[in-house]
């Protein structure tokens, strides 16, 4: 009798030798959804393009891995996002990081040779991991490389980060450019939105921000629709949430529900790919973008209303004019700060008192909050911090939309901050120079350009 398909498969598996473990591990380390979408995914794709890496090349000697680190700004679902890409042979969750340091073998086979690449979080965590595993180490430094002694290479976003290094470490540093500078060119080639005046809504991805952002922005939508009846609304759904959860954040169960007038929206069929939308009780529709990242659609919006965070960097890289919103009238819910004080603010006994005090202090001594403003050292995009109201923001958005010349000026300012594309390829080159078997990286002028371009001081 002929064997069944299942029996044949089992026989084949029994006679097929197990794949040889990778001899080199290339480890990307990151934290939150913004860094994952704008730094980790583009670099992973480029590395697979340049090198033969597992899991896409099953027999390759080098395996591409991802290690997530603890971060108060993370959502806890970053590993699910990374798994959906299919680019990593192994993903370590943030909750396992300390155990990974203590007992690496508990979390899979770790080759004797490898490279750790810092792409978000606390730079010290990547130092610890590289030392623990005995791997070479590269840090992508936006503003400062905090542990140059422990880095084999430093890839700086710009001359400012390179110049902050002590002279003895500058030979290890190369300016690669801004990883987000590649976003705009790629995004504009994607599927266009239907014609119209599009406003993007980015309430955030974490619970603390969504509790405030959803009811606030829904009322803005209703008010702005009265001021500009032709305006269309777009909301990219973070991979860590869903349309149903967004509705719940605007439901009576939200402690802030009574402060806003729009009410709970309904899930309805949408007109964009993915086919979902929210409709406010006043009848205004907000199209939902379920594909992630949503750079193609965002790049075509005339204006965005956004909370603070990595999304301001994404919008800036795409050249999308924005108004950054931080309503401080609900301080008791705004405990998404970094550092040990941020951790204390989330302890049950101290949460309310210390969380409010910390947030109030940070608002008073805040400086700039949006990434374009931080990068430029001046107010490129407006930041509205304080007891702001939906009526005020709707009126301001209507004013911006009625002045396309002002929007064009802000867009030009944003595009000038990012520099030329090519940073992802330049960073991949620096990573590849550290892989075992390749020649050692030559000493570099920290403000030298990559072959594609010259960055001026």
Protein backbone atom coordinates (compact mmCIF):
# COMPACT_ATOMS: atom_id res chain seq x y z
CA UNK A 1 0.00 0.00 0.00
CA UNK A 2 1.30 3.47 -0.89
CA UNK A 3 2.22 5.66 2.07
CA UNK A 4 -0.03 8.58 2.94
CA UNK A 5 1.17 12.16 2.39
CA UNK A 6 1.72 12.58 6.12
CA UNK A 7 3.76 9.36 6.34
CA UNK A 8 5.84 10.41 3.34
CA UNK A 9 6.53 13.79 4.90
CA UNK A 10 7.59 12.23 8.20
CA UNK A 11 9.90 9.81 6.37
CA UNK A 12 11.46 12.69 4.44
CA UNK A 13 11.97 14.72 7.63
CA UNK A 14 13.59 11.75 9.34
CA UNK A 15 16.08 11.26 6.50
CA UNK A 16 16.81 14.96 5.89
CA UNK A 17 19.73 16.22 7.97
CA UNK A 18 18.96 19.08 10.35
CA UNK A 19 20.13 22.46 9.06
CA UNK A 20 23.54 23.53 10.30
CA UNK A 21 23.30 26.36 12.85
CA UNK A 22 24.45 29.76 11.68
CA UNK A 23 28.10 30.48 12.45
CA UNK A 24 27.56 34.26 12.80
CA UNK A 25 24.68 36.21 14.41
CA UNK A 26 23.78 39.69 13.18
CA UNK A 27 21.65 41.17 15.98
CA UNK A 28 19.52 44.29 15.61
CA UNK A 29 18.44 45.80 18.94
CA UNK A 30 15.46 48.14 19.24
CA UNK A 31 12.47 49.09 21.35
CA UNK A 32 9.31 50.90 20.18
CA UNK A 33 7.02 50.77 17.12
CA UNK A 34 8.38 53.98 15.60
CA UNK A 35 11.98 52.77 15.61
CA UNK A 36 10.87 49.37 14.35
CA UNK A 37 9.10 50.81 11.31
CA UNK A 38 11.57 53.53 10.37
CA UNK A 39 14.95 52.08 11.40
CA UNK A 40 14.77 48.32 11.91
CA UNK A 41 12.66 47.25 8.93
CA UNK A 42 14.48 49.36 6.30
CA UNK A 43 17.89 48.22 7.55
CA UNK A 44 16.81 44.56 7.73
CA UNK A 45 15.53 44.70 4.16
CA UNK A 46 18.75 46.31 2.97
CA UNK A 47 20.93 43.76 4.77
CA UNK A 48 18.99 40.91 3.17
CA UNK A 49 19.44 42.62 -0.18
CA UNK A 50 23.22 42.99 0.29
CA UNK A 51 24.00 39.72 2.08
CA UNK A 52 22.88 36.12 2.12
CA UNK A 53 21.17 35.95 5.52
CA UNK A 54 18.88 33.58 7.34
CA UNK A 55 15.93 33.11 7.42
CA UNK A 56 15.48 34.17 3.77
CA UNK A 57 18.54 32.15 2.79
CA UNK A 58 18.14 28.99 4.88
CA UNK A 59 21.70 27.70 4.35
CA UNK A 60 23.46 31.04 4.87
CA UNK A 61 26.22 31.19 7.51
CA UNK A 62 24.84 34.44 8.98
CA UNK A 63 21.51 34.69 10.80
CA UNK A 64 19.64 37.97 11.22
CA UNK A 65 18.11 38.31 14.69
CA UNK A 66 16.16 40.91 16.63
CA UNK A 67 16.43 41.66 20.34
CA UNK A 68 13.79 43.94 21.87
CA UNK A 69 14.68 45.85 25.03
CA UNK A 70 12.56 47.19 27.91
CA UNK A 71 11.22 50.67 27.23
CA UNK A 72 8.37 52.64 28.85
CA UNK A 73 7.37 53.90 25.40
CA UNK A 74 7.02 50.42 23.92
CA UNK A 75 3.65 48.71 23.56
CA UNK A 76 4.58 45.10 24.29
CA UNK A 77 3.49 43.95 20.81
CA UNK A 78 6.59 44.87 18.86
CA UNK A 79 7.58 41.21 18.51
CA UNK A 80 4.30 40.48 16.71
CA UNK A 81 5.03 43.25 14.24
CA UNK A 82 8.52 41.91 13.63
CA UNK A 83 7.23 38.35 13.18
CA UNK A 84 4.85 39.54 10.47
CA UNK A 85 7.80 40.78 8.41
CA UNK A 86 9.47 37.36 8.23
CA UNK A 87 12.95 38.93 8.19
CA UNK A 88 14.43 37.45 11.40
CA UNK A 89 15.42 33.91 12.23
CA UNK A 90 14.96 34.65 15.92
CA UNK A 91 13.16 37.39 17.89
CA UNK A 92 13.71 37.97 21.60
CA UNK A 93 10.89 39.74 23.46
CA UNK A 94 11.58 42.74 25.65
CA UNK A 95 10.32 40.89 28.71
CA UNK A 96 13.07 38.29 28.27
CA UNK A 97 15.95 40.73 27.94
CA UNK A 98 17.39 40.39 31.45
CA UNK A 99 17.16 36.62 31.33
CA UNK A 100 18.83 36.72 27.91
CA UNK A 101 21.77 38.54 29.49
CA UNK A 102 21.98 36.05 32.34
CA UNK A 103 21.42 32.83 30.37
CA UNK A 104 21.72 33.36 26.60
CA UNK A 105 21.61 29.63 25.82
CA UNK A 106 18.15 29.50 27.32
CA UNK A 107 16.99 31.54 24.33
CA UNK A 108 18.53 29.59 21.50
CA UNK A 109 21.95 28.93 20.09
CA UNK A 110 24.23 31.97 19.98
CA UNK A 111 27.23 31.60 17.68
CA UNK A 112 30.68 32.50 18.94
CA UNK A 113 30.90 35.42 16.50
CA UNK A 114 28.44 38.20 15.83
CA UNK A 115 27.59 41.88 15.63
CA UNK A 116 25.11 43.86 17.77
CA UNK A 117 23.56 46.95 16.14
CA UNK A 118 21.84 49.55 18.34
CA UNK A 119 18.67 50.93 16.73
CA UNK A 120 16.64 52.33 19.60
CA UNK A 121 16.17 52.19 23.35
CA UNK A 122 18.94 52.77 25.89
CA UNK A 123 22.41 52.50 24.36
CA UNK A 124 23.72 50.85 27.51
CA UNK A 125 21.57 47.76 26.88
CA UNK A 126 23.34 47.10 23.59
CA UNK A 127 26.70 47.53 25.33
CA UNK A 128 25.69 44.90 27.89
CA UNK A 129 24.49 42.46 25.25
CA UNK A 130 27.55 42.81 23.04
CA UNK A 131 29.88 42.29 26.02
CA UNK A 132 27.87 39.33 27.30
CA UNK A 133 27.90 37.59 23.92
CA UNK A 134 31.41 38.69 22.98
CA UNK A 135 30.14 40.32 19.79
CA UNK A 136 31.31 43.39 17.94
CA UNK A 137 29.15 46.47 18.45
CA UNK A 138 27.80 49.35 16.34
CA UNK A 139 25.62 52.22 17.54
CA UNK A 140 23.44 54.35 15.29
CA UNK A 141 23.65 57.70 17.09
CA UNK A 142 21.03 60.36 16.40
CA UNK A 143 22.38 63.02 18.76
CA UNK A 144 25.12 61.44 20.87
CA UNK A 145 27.05 58.17 21.20
CA UNK A 146 27.08 57.63 24.96
CA UNK A 147 29.50 54.69 25.17
CA UNK A 148 32.09 55.16 22.40
CA UNK A 149 34.71 53.13 24.26
CA UNK A 150 32.53 50.04 23.87
CA UNK A 151 31.72 50.54 20.20
CA UNK A 152 33.72 49.07 17.34
CA UNK A 153 31.91 51.47 15.00
CA UNK A 154 29.64 54.48 15.45
CA UNK A 155 27.24 55.48 12.67
CA UNK A 156 26.23 59.09 13.29
CA UNK A 157 23.06 60.66 11.92
CA UNK A 158 24.83 63.96 11.32
CA UNK A 159 27.93 66.04 12.02
CA UNK A 160 26.47 67.23 15.34
CA UNK A 161 26.60 63.73 16.83
CA UNK A 162 30.07 63.11 15.41
CA UNK A 163 31.50 66.35 16.78
CA UNK A 164 30.32 65.55 20.29
CA UNK A 165 32.73 62.62 20.43
CA UNK A 166 36.07 63.04 22.17
CA UNK A 167 38.90 63.24 19.59
CA UNK A 168 40.27 59.83 20.62
CA UNK A 169 37.05 58.10 19.47
CA UNK A 170 36.36 59.97 16.24
CA UNK A 171 38.23 57.48 14.07
CA UNK A 172 35.48 54.98 14.91
CA UNK A 173 32.70 57.25 13.66
CA UNK A 174 31.22 57.77 10.20
CA UNK A 175 28.32 60.07 9.35
CA UNK A 176 25.78 57.98 7.46
CA UNK A 177 22.87 60.42 7.45
CA UNK A 178 19.30 60.24 8.65
CA UNK A 179 17.66 56.84 8.18
CA UNK A 180 14.31 58.55 7.74
CA UNK A 181 15.52 60.57 4.76
CA UNK A 182 14.79 57.52 2.60
CA UNK A 183 11.12 57.42 3.59
CA UNK A 184 9.75 60.22 1.43
CA UNK A 185 11.13 59.05 -1.92
CA UNK A 186 9.86 55.52 -1.34
CA UNK A 187 6.48 56.59 0.02
CA UNK A 188 5.50 58.85 -2.86
CA UNK A 189 5.76 55.97 -5.32
CA UNK A 190 3.03 54.04 -3.51
CA UNK A 191 -0.71 53.92 -4.21
CA UNK A 192 -2.13 57.45 -4.36
CA UNK A 193 -5.07 58.59 -2.25
CA UNK A 194 -8.29 59.71 -3.92
CA UNK A 195 -8.32 63.38 -4.79
CA UNK A 196 -9.22 65.72 -1.96
CA UNK A 197 -7.98 67.63 1.05
CA UNK A 198 -6.64 65.00 3.45
CA UNK A 199 -5.93 65.52 7.15
CA UNK A 200 -4.02 62.80 9.04
CA UNK A 201 -4.83 61.98 12.66
CA UNK A 202 -2.13 60.35 14.81
CA UNK A 203 -3.39 59.93 18.39
CA UNK A 204 -0.52 57.61 19.40
CA UNK A 205 -0.17 53.89 20.01
CA UNK A 206 0.01 53.59 23.80
CA UNK A 207 -2.97 53.48 26.15
CA UNK A 208 -2.05 56.70 27.99
CA UNK A 209 -1.99 58.66 24.75
CA UNK A 210 -5.05 57.02 23.19
CA UNK A 211 -7.21 57.71 26.25
CA UNK A 212 -6.61 61.41 25.64
CA UNK A 213 -6.04 61.48 21.90
CA UNK A 214 -9.06 59.59 20.61
CA UNK A 215 -11.90 61.60 22.21
CA UNK A 216 -9.95 64.82 21.65
CA UNK A 217 -9.34 64.24 17.94
CA UNK A 218 -12.86 62.94 17.27
CA UNK A 219 -14.25 66.25 18.48
CA UNK A 220 -11.68 68.07 16.34
CA UNK A 221 -12.96 66.11 13.33
CA UNK A 222 -16.57 67.09 13.97
CA UNK A 223 -15.66 70.75 14.43
CA UNK A 224 -13.28 70.91 11.47
CA UNK A 225 -15.84 69.25 9.19
CA UNK A 226 -18.13 72.22 9.85
CA UNK A 227 -15.35 74.71 9.04
CA UNK A 228 -14.13 72.87 5.93
CA UNK A 229 -16.86 70.56 4.64
CA UNK A 230 -14.66 69.04 1.93
CA UNK A 231 -11.94 67.86 4.31
CA UNK A 232 -11.22 64.11 4.41
CA UNK A 233 -9.78 62.34 7.44
CA UNK A 234 -7.22 59.56 7.66
CA UNK A 235 -6.05 57.61 10.72
CA UNK A 236 -3.17 55.09 10.45
CA UNK A 237 -3.90 52.24 12.85
CA UNK A 238 -0.79 51.29 14.80
CA UNK A 239 0.11 47.59 14.52
CA UNK A 240 -0.25 47.33 18.29
CA UNK A 241 -3.94 48.29 18.31
CA UNK A 242 -7.10 47.79 16.21
CA UNK A 243 -10.19 49.59 15.00
CA UNK A 244 -12.26 48.04 17.79
CA UNK A 245 -9.80 49.25 20.43
CA UNK A 246 -9.84 52.75 18.98
CA UNK A 247 -13.63 52.79 19.33
CA UNK A 248 -13.33 51.67 22.93
CA UNK A 249 -10.95 54.52 23.75
CA UNK A 250 -13.77 56.89 22.79
CA UNK A 251 -16.44 54.96 24.71
CA UNK A 252 -18.12 55.90 28.02
CA UNK A 253 -15.67 53.56 29.80
CA UNK A 254 -12.95 56.13 29.09
CA UNK A 255 -12.70 58.40 32.16
CA UNK A 256 -12.28 61.37 29.80
CA UNK A 257 -15.40 60.61 27.75
CA UNK A 258 -17.51 63.21 29.57
CA UNK A 259 -15.08 66.02 28.67
CA UNK A 260 -15.67 65.72 24.92
CA UNK A 261 -18.77 66.02 22.79
CA UNK A 262 -18.32 63.65 19.85
CA UNK A 263 -19.36 60.39 21.50
CA UNK A 264 -18.34 56.86 20.59
CA UNK A 265 -17.77 56.21 16.86
CA UNK A 266 -19.03 53.21 14.91
CA UNK A 267 -16.95 50.84 12.80
CA UNK A 268 -18.13 51.04 9.20
CA UNK A 269 -16.92 49.98 5.78
CA UNK A 270 -14.21 52.24 4.40
CA UNK A 271 -13.26 53.27 0.88
CA UNK A 272 -9.47 52.71 1.14
CA UNK A 273 -7.56 49.42 0.92
CA UNK A 274 -8.36 47.45 4.06
CA UNK A 275 -11.92 48.70 3.94
CA UNK A 276 -12.44 49.92 7.52
CA UNK A 277 -13.47 53.32 8.84
CA UNK A 278 -14.88 55.05 11.89
CA UNK A 279 -17.97 57.21 11.76
CA UNK A 280 -18.70 59.75 14.47
CA UNK A 281 -22.28 60.20 15.74
CA UNK A 282 -22.27 63.50 13.79
CA UNK A 283 -21.80 61.52 10.57
CA UNK A 284 -18.14 62.27 9.77
CA UNK A 285 -16.06 59.41 8.41
CA UNK A 286 -12.43 58.71 9.31
CA UNK A 287 -10.72 56.31 6.94
CA UNK A 288 -8.47 53.77 8.68
CA UNK A 289 -5.15 52.62 7.28
CA UNK A 290 -4.47 49.08 8.47
CA UNK A 291 -1.30 48.46 6.46
CA UNK A 292 1.87 49.33 8.35
CA UNK A 293 3.81 51.47 7.86
CA UNK A 294 1.38 53.88 6.19
CA UNK A 295 4.01 56.17 4.71
CA UNK A 296 2.55 56.23 1.21
CA UNK A 297 -0.80 57.65 2.29
CA UNK A 298 0.66 59.94 4.96
CA UNK A 299 3.02 61.54 2.44
CA UNK A 300 -0.01 62.72 0.46
CA UNK A 301 -1.78 64.46 3.34
CA UNK A 302 -1.90 68.25 3.44
CA UNK A 303 -1.64 68.37 7.26
CA UNK A 304 -1.36 66.07 10.27
CA UNK A 305 -2.55 66.46 13.85
CA UNK A 306 -0.27 64.33 15.98
CA UNK A 307 0.84 63.56 19.49
CA UNK A 308 4.52 63.65 20.42
CA UNK A 309 6.82 60.72 19.76
CA UNK A 310 8.54 58.95 16.89
CA UNK A 311 5.56 59.78 14.68
CA UNK A 312 6.75 63.40 14.54
CA UNK A 313 10.04 62.15 13.11
CA UNK A 314 8.21 60.00 10.54
CA UNK A 315 5.99 62.88 9.46
CA UNK A 316 9.01 65.16 9.25
CA UNK A 317 10.87 62.64 7.09
CA UNK A 318 7.86 62.42 4.79
CA UNK A 319 7.65 66.21 4.61
CA UNK A 320 4.12 66.31 6.03
CA UNK A 321 3.19 69.60 7.75
CA UNK A 322 1.94 68.98 11.27
CA UNK A 323 0.55 70.49 14.42
CA UNK A 324 1.83 68.68 17.53
CA UNK A 325 -0.70 68.34 20.35
CA UNK A 326 -0.07 67.82 24.06
CA UNK A 327 -3.29 68.49 26.04
CA UNK A 328 -2.04 68.83 29.61
CA UNK A 329 -5.44 69.12 31.28
CA UNK A 330 -5.38 65.34 31.88
CA UNK A 331 -1.99 65.00 33.55
CA UNK A 332 -3.04 62.03 35.67
CA UNK A 333 -3.14 59.91 32.50
CA UNK A 334 0.10 61.17 30.94
CA UNK A 335 2.72 58.95 32.57
CA UNK A 336 4.58 57.79 29.45
CA UNK A 337 7.92 59.35 30.37
CA UNK A 338 11.35 57.74 30.17
CA UNK A 339 13.87 56.94 32.89
CA UNK A 340 13.67 55.86 36.51
CA UNK A 341 11.24 58.64 37.45
CA UNK A 342 8.91 57.44 34.72
CA UNK A 343 9.07 53.93 36.19
CA UNK A 344 8.34 55.26 39.69
CA UNK A 345 5.36 57.17 38.32
CA UNK A 346 3.80 53.88 37.25
CA UNK A 347 4.03 52.21 40.67
CA UNK A 348 0.55 51.70 42.17
CA UNK A 349 1.14 53.70 45.40
CA UNK A 350 3.00 56.58 43.78
CA UNK A 351 1.35 56.64 40.37
CA UNK A 352 -1.12 59.44 40.87
CA UNK A 353 0.92 61.86 42.98
CA UNK A 354 4.35 61.40 41.41
CA UNK A 355 2.99 60.94 37.90
CA UNK A 356 1.18 64.27 38.00
CA UNK A 357 4.15 66.05 39.62
CA UNK A 358 6.62 64.61 37.11
CA UNK A 359 4.50 65.49 34.11
CA UNK A 360 3.82 69.02 35.39
CA UNK A 361 7.55 69.57 35.95
CA UNK A 362 8.44 68.22 32.52
CA UNK A 363 5.87 70.43 30.83
CA UNK A 364 7.31 73.50 32.58
CA UNK A 365 10.91 72.64 31.63
CA UNK A 366 10.19 70.88 28.40
CA UNK A 367 12.06 72.66 25.61
CA UNK A 368 11.03 71.32 22.22
CA UNK A 369 9.05 68.08 22.04
CA UNK A 370 8.68 67.41 18.29
CA UNK A 371 11.64 65.80 16.54
CA UNK A 372 11.84 68.37 13.70
CA UNK A 373 12.06 71.17 16.26
CA UNK A 374 14.66 69.31 18.32
CA UNK A 375 16.75 68.69 15.21
CA UNK A 376 16.53 72.28 13.99
CA UNK A 377 16.81 73.93 17.40
CA UNK A 378 13.88 76.15 16.47
CA UNK A 379 10.13 75.96 15.97
CA UNK A 380 9.73 74.40 12.52
CA UNK A 381 6.32 72.93 13.37
CA UNK A 382 3.84 74.35 15.91
CA UNK A 383 3.63 72.63 19.29
CA UNK A 384 0.41 73.20 21.18
CA UNK A 385 1.06 72.33 24.82
CA UNK A 386 -1.35 73.18 27.60
CA UNK A 387 -5.07 73.12 28.30
CA UNK A 388 -5.88 73.21 24.59
CA UNK A 389 -9.38 72.49 23.30
CA UNK A 390 -10.69 70.74 20.17
CA UNK A 391 -12.33 74.01 19.10
CA UNK A 392 -8.95 75.80 19.14
CA UNK A 393 -7.19 73.05 17.22
CA UNK A 394 -9.98 72.75 14.64
CA UNK A 395 -9.79 76.50 14.01
CA UNK A 396 -5.99 76.36 13.68
CA UNK A 397 -6.14 73.37 11.32
CA UNK A 398 -8.71 75.17 9.17
CA UNK A 399 -6.42 78.21 9.02
CA UNK A 400 -3.44 76.11 7.91
CA UNK A 401 -5.49 74.29 5.27
CA UNK A 402 -6.76 77.57 3.87
CA UNK A 403 -3.18 78.80 3.38
CA UNK A 404 -1.40 76.37 1.02
CA UNK A 405 1.59 78.73 0.76
CA UNK A 406 2.26 78.42 4.50
CA UNK A 407 1.92 74.64 4.30
CA UNK A 408 4.37 74.56 1.39
CA UNK A 409 6.84 76.57 3.46
CA UNK A 410 6.60 74.16 6.40
CA UNK A 411 6.96 71.19 4.05
CA UNK A 412 10.11 72.71 2.53
CA UNK A 413 11.57 73.31 6.01
CA UNK A 414 10.91 69.70 6.99
CA UNK A 415 12.47 68.32 3.83
CA UNK A 416 15.59 70.46 4.32
CA UNK A 417 16.17 68.94 7.76
CA UNK A 418 16.36 65.34 6.57
CA UNK A 419 19.10 65.58 3.97
CA UNK A 420 19.49 63.29 0.98
CA UNK A 421 18.41 59.64 0.78
CA UNK A 422 21.03 56.92 1.12
CA UNK A 423 21.47 56.58 4.89
CA UNK A 424 20.08 53.03 5.06
CA UNK A 425 22.56 51.80 2.47
CA UNK A 426 25.38 53.66 4.23
CA UNK A 427 24.50 52.15 7.61
CA UNK A 428 24.25 48.67 6.09
CA UNK A 429 27.76 49.13 4.72
CA UNK A 430 29.07 50.00 8.19
CA UNK A 431 27.39 46.91 9.65
CA UNK A 432 28.81 44.67 6.95
CA UNK A 433 32.33 45.92 7.64
CA UNK A 434 32.06 44.43 11.14
CA UNK A 435 30.94 40.98 10.01
CA UNK A 436 33.61 38.32 10.64
CA UNK A 437 35.55 37.40 7.54
CA UNK A 438 35.35 40.88 6.03
CA UNK A 439 38.25 43.36 6.23
CA UNK A 440 38.34 45.62 9.27
CA UNK A 441 36.72 49.02 8.86
CA UNK A 442 39.26 51.73 8.00
CA UNK A 443 39.65 54.76 10.21
CA UNK A 444 37.14 57.34 9.05
CA UNK A 445 36.76 61.07 9.25
CA UNK A 446 33.61 61.43 11.39
CA UNK A 447 32.15 64.04 9.06
CA UNK A 448 33.10 62.22 5.89
CA UNK A 449 30.28 61.35 3.56
CA UNK A 450 29.35 58.00 2.21
CA UNK A 451 30.31 57.38 -1.42
CA UNK A 452 26.94 58.63 -2.63
CA UNK A 453 27.25 62.14 -1.24
CA UNK A 454 29.23 64.67 0.79
CA UNK A 455 27.74 66.05 3.99
CA UNK A 456 28.81 69.60 4.74
CA UNK A 457 29.35 71.02 8.20
